[in-house]
C-alpha atoms as a PDB file:
ATOM      1  CA  MET A   1     162.886 -13.251 -70.705  1.00  0.00           C
ATOM      2  CA  LYS A   2     159.457 -13.976 -72.185  1.00  0.00           C
ATOM      3  CA  ALA A   3     159.161 -17.309 -70.361  1.00  0.00           C
ATOM      4  CA  GLY A   4     159.965 -15.543 -67.080  1.00  0.00           C
ATOM      5  CA  GLY A   5     157.269 -12.970 -67.776  1.00  0.00           C
ATOM      6  CA  ASP A   6     154.728 -15.672 -68.666  1.00  0.00           C
ATOM      7  CA  ALA A   7     155.541 -17.596 -65.483  1.00  0.00           C
ATOM      8  CA  LEU A   8     155.314 -14.401 -63.446  1.00  0.00           C
ATOM      9  CA  GLY A   9     151.876 -13.696 -64.909  1.00  0.00           C
ATOM     10  CA  ILE A  10     150.518 -17.161 -64.095  1.00  0.00           C
ATOM     11  CA  VAL A  11     152.033 -17.168 -60.595  1.00  0.00           C
ATOM     12  CA  THR A  12     150.769 -13.648 -59.911  1.00  0.00           C
ATOM     13  CA  LEU A  13     147.295 -14.775 -60.960  1.00  0.00           C
ATOM     14  CA  THR A  14     147.456 -17.697 -58.506  1.00  0.00           C
ATOM     15  CA  VAL A  15     148.551 -15.311 -55.739  1.00  0.00           C
ATOM     16  CA  LEU A  16     145.737 -12.895 -56.563  1.00  0.00           C
ATOM     17  CA  LEU A  17     143.234 -15.757 -56.520  1.00  0.00           C
ATOM     18  CA  GLN A  18     144.574 -16.811 -53.119  1.00  0.00           C
ATOM     19  CA  LEU A  19     144.089 -13.288 -51.789  1.00  0.00           C
ATOM     20  CA  VAL A  20     140.604 -12.962 -53.281  1.00  0.00           C
ATOM     21  CA  ALA A  21     139.626 -16.237 -51.605  1.00  0.00           C
ATOM     22  CA  ALA A  22     141.084 -14.977 -48.310  1.00  0.00           C
ATOM     23  CA  ALA A  23     139.119 -11.728 -48.636  1.00  0.00           C
ATOM     24  CA  LEU A  24     135.925 -13.689 -49.315  1.00  0.00           C
ATOM     25  CA  LEU A  25     136.503 -15.782 -46.205  1.00  0.00           C
ATOM     26  CA  LYS A  26     137.130 -12.617 -44.173  1.00  0.00           C
ATOM     27  CA  GLN A  27     133.870 -11.128 -45.441  1.00  0.00           C
ATOM     28  CA  ALA A  28     132.031 -14.376 -44.709  1.00  0.00           C
ATOM     29  CA  ALA A  29     133.282 -14.267 -41.123  1.00  0.00           C
ATOM     30  CA  LEU A  30     132.214 -10.634 -40.779  1.00  0.00           C
ATOM     31  CA  ILE A  31     128.671 -11.208 -42.044  1.00  0.00           C
ATOM     32  CA  ALA A  32     128.030 -14.723 -40.669  1.00  0.00           C
ATOM     33  CA  ALA A  33     125.847 -13.437 -37.852  1.00  0.00           C
ATOM     34  CA  ALA A  34     123.793 -11.264 -40.202  1.00  0.00           C
ATOM     35  CA  GLY A  35     123.278 -13.729 -43.014  1.00  0.00           C
ATOM     36  CA  LEU A  36     124.357 -17.337 -42.778  1.00  0.00           C
ATOM     37  CA  LEU A  37     123.325 -18.206 -46.345  1.00  0.00           C
ATOM     38  CA  LEU A  38     125.366 -15.361 -47.818  1.00  0.00           C
ATOM     39  CA  ALA A  39     128.331 -16.344 -45.649  1.00  0.00           C
ATOM     40  CA  LEU A  40     128.060 -19.937 -46.886  1.00  0.00           C
ATOM     41  CA  ALA A  41     127.874 -18.715 -50.492  1.00  0.00           C
ATOM     42  CA  LEU A  42     131.087 -16.733 -49.974  1.00  0.00           C
ATOM     43  CA  VAL A  43     132.788 -19.792 -48.486  1.00  0.00           C
ATOM     44  CA  ALA A  44     131.649 -21.903 -51.467  1.00  0.00           C
ATOM     45  CA  LEU A  45     132.970 -19.264 -53.865  1.00  0.00           C
ATOM     46  CA  ALA A  46     136.315 -19.247 -52.018  1.00  0.00           C
ATOM     47  CA  ILE A  47     136.523 -23.037 -52.366  1.00  0.00           C
ATOM     48  CA  GLY A  48     135.849 -22.732 -56.102  1.00  0.00           C
ATOM     49  CA  ILE A  49     138.570 -20.099 -56.446  1.00  0.00           C
ATOM     50  CA  HIS A  50     141.016 -22.417 -54.675  1.00  0.00           C
ATOM     51  CA  GLY A  51     140.082 -25.140 -57.167  1.00  0.00           C
ATOM     52  CA  LEU A  52     140.904 -22.817 -60.062  1.00  0.00           C
ATOM     53  CA  ARG A  53     144.169 -21.903 -58.342  1.00  0.00           C
ATOM     54  CA  PHE A  54     145.022 -25.614 -58.070  1.00  0.00           C
ATOM     55  CA  VAL A  55     144.505 -26.068 -61.825  1.00  0.00           C
ATOM     56  CA  LEU A  56     146.663 -23.018 -62.634  1.00  0.00           C
ATOM     57  CA  TRP A  57     149.454 -24.294 -60.367  1.00  0.00           C
ATOM     58  CA  GLY A  58     149.325 -27.626 -62.191  1.00  0.00           C
ATOM     59  CA  TYR A  59     149.700 -25.819 -65.511  1.00  0.00           C
ATOM     60  CA  ALA A  60     152.597 -23.712 -64.204  1.00  0.00           C
ATOM     61  CA  HIS A  61     154.452 -26.721 -62.826  1.00  0.00           C
ATOM     62  CA  ARG A  62     154.074 -28.663 -66.065  1.00  0.00           C
ATOM     63  CA  ARG A  63     155.427 -25.733 -68.061  1.00  0.00           C
ATOM     64  CA  TRP A  64     158.216 -24.367 -65.819  1.00  0.00           C
ATOM     65  CA  PRO A  65     160.451 -25.903 -63.160  1.00  0.00           C
ATOM     66  CA  LEU A  66     159.391 -25.517 -59.530  1.00  0.00           C
ATOM     67  CA  SER A  67     162.695 -23.751 -58.836  1.00  0.00           C
ATOM     68  CA  HIS A  68     161.512 -21.017 -61.200  1.00  0.00           C
ATOM     69  CA  THR A  69     157.817 -20.717 -60.331  1.00  0.00           C
ATOM     70  CA  TYR A  70     157.773 -21.069 -56.577  1.00  0.00           C
ATOM     71  CA  PRO A  71     160.105 -18.139 -55.798  1.00  0.00           C
ATOM     72  CA  LEU A  72     157.801 -15.967 -57.911  1.00  0.00           C
ATOM     73  CA  THR A  73     155.137 -16.365 -55.244  1.00  0.00           C
ATOM     74  CA  ALA A  74     157.062 -13.629 -53.404  1.00  0.00           C
ATOM     75  CA  VAL A  75     154.831 -11.216 -55.343  1.00  0.00           C
ATOM     76  CA  PHE A  76     152.480 -12.097 -52.480  1.00  0.00           C
ATOM     77  CA  PHE A  77     154.285  -9.728 -50.104  1.00  0.00           C
ATOM     78  CA  PRO A  78     153.765  -6.389 -51.889  1.00  0.00           C
ATOM     79  CA  ILE A  79     150.227  -7.395 -52.853  1.00  0.00           C
ATOM     80  CA  VAL A  80     149.286  -8.339 -49.282  1.00  0.00           C
ATOM     81  CA  VAL A  81     150.644  -4.991 -48.039  1.00  0.00           C
ATOM     82  CA  GLY A  82     148.296  -3.310 -50.514  1.00  0.00           C
ATOM     83  CA  MET A  83     145.443  -5.501 -49.330  1.00  0.00           C
ATOM     84  CA  ALA A  84     146.179  -4.556 -45.710  1.00  0.00           C
ATOM     85  CA  VAL A  85     145.953  -0.876 -46.679  1.00  0.00           C
ATOM     86  CA  PHE A  86     142.614  -1.607 -48.353  1.00  0.00           C
ATOM     87  CA  TYR A  87     141.315  -3.079 -45.090  1.00  0.00           C
ATOM     88  CA  GLY A  88     142.447   0.014 -43.189  1.00  0.00           C
ATOM     89  CA  GLU A  89     145.430  -1.485 -41.422  1.00  0.00           C
ATOM     90  CA  GLN A  90     148.290   0.827 -40.596  1.00  0.00           C
ATOM     91  CA  ILE A  91     151.345   0.073 -42.703  1.00  0.00           C
ATOM     92  CA  ARG A  92     154.753   1.429 -41.800  1.00  0.00           C
ATOM     93  CA  ALA A  93     157.785   2.148 -43.947  1.00  0.00           C
ATOM     94  CA  PRO A  94     159.719  -0.992 -42.879  1.00  0.00           C
ATOM     95  CA  GLN A  95     156.849  -3.192 -44.119  1.00  0.00           C
ATOM     96  CA  ILE A  96     156.768  -1.403 -47.448  1.00  0.00           C
ATOM     97  CA  ILE A  97     160.541  -1.432 -47.860  1.00  0.00           C
ATOM     98  CA  GLY A  98     160.776  -5.085 -46.817  1.00  0.00           C
ATOM     99  CA  SER A  99     158.122  -6.241 -49.269  1.00  0.00           C
ATOM    100  CA  LEU A 100     159.722  -4.255 -52.075  1.00  0.00           C
ATOM    101  CA  LEU A 101     163.180  -5.671 -51.294  1.00  0.00           C
ATOM    102  CA  ILE A 102     161.796  -9.210 -51.357  1.00  0.00           C
ATOM    103  CA  GLY A 103     160.113  -8.506 -54.684  1.00  0.00           C
ATOM    104  CA  LEU A 104     163.233  -6.960 -56.186  1.00  0.00           C
ATOM    105  CA  GLY A 105     165.403  -9.825 -54.949  1.00  0.00           C
ATOM    106  CA  VAL A 106     163.150 -12.436 -56.473  1.00  0.00           C
ATOM    107  CA  ALA A 107     162.925 -10.470 -59.728  1.00  0.00           C
ATOM    108  CA  TRP A 108     166.714 -10.251 -59.873  1.00  0.00           C
ATOM    109  CA  LEU A 109     167.121 -13.990 -59.270  1.00  0.00           C
ATOM    110  CA  THR A 110     164.404 -14.864 -61.768  1.00  0.00           C
ATOM    111  CA  PHE A 111     165.277 -12.573 -64.641  1.00  0.00           C
ATOM    112  CA  ARG A 112     169.061 -12.327 -64.407  1.00  0.00           C
ATOM    113  CA  SER A 113     171.083 -13.830 -67.221  1.00  0.00           C
ATOM    114  CA  HIS A 114     172.101 -17.446 -66.671  1.00  0.00           C
ATOM    115  CA  ASP A 115     174.877 -17.208 -69.296  1.00  0.00           C
ATOM    116  CA  ALA A 116     177.633 -16.406 -66.768  1.00  0.00           C
END
């Protein structure tokens, strides 16, 4: 169970980094007309974050099998729903329920006993 939790932590961090980079790019697009240098700095920061994400993925794939780590990226769905709320988008119950079902399904597949 500990290995699954460690993998989930690393994968969740890569997903969060992906979303932070996406938010930086969104902000850069919003402010590009007002300040090109700041927009370029945000784009450069997003590229750096993607580089860090690349290194973390390499670590995860050396330590755990792809069949274990990649499904964990489904944590993306509930997190992106939260990010949409942060940006003021209207979220409906089916989106919330769907993201939670995906998350629960992946958790069940990842953490269930393989002794059967």
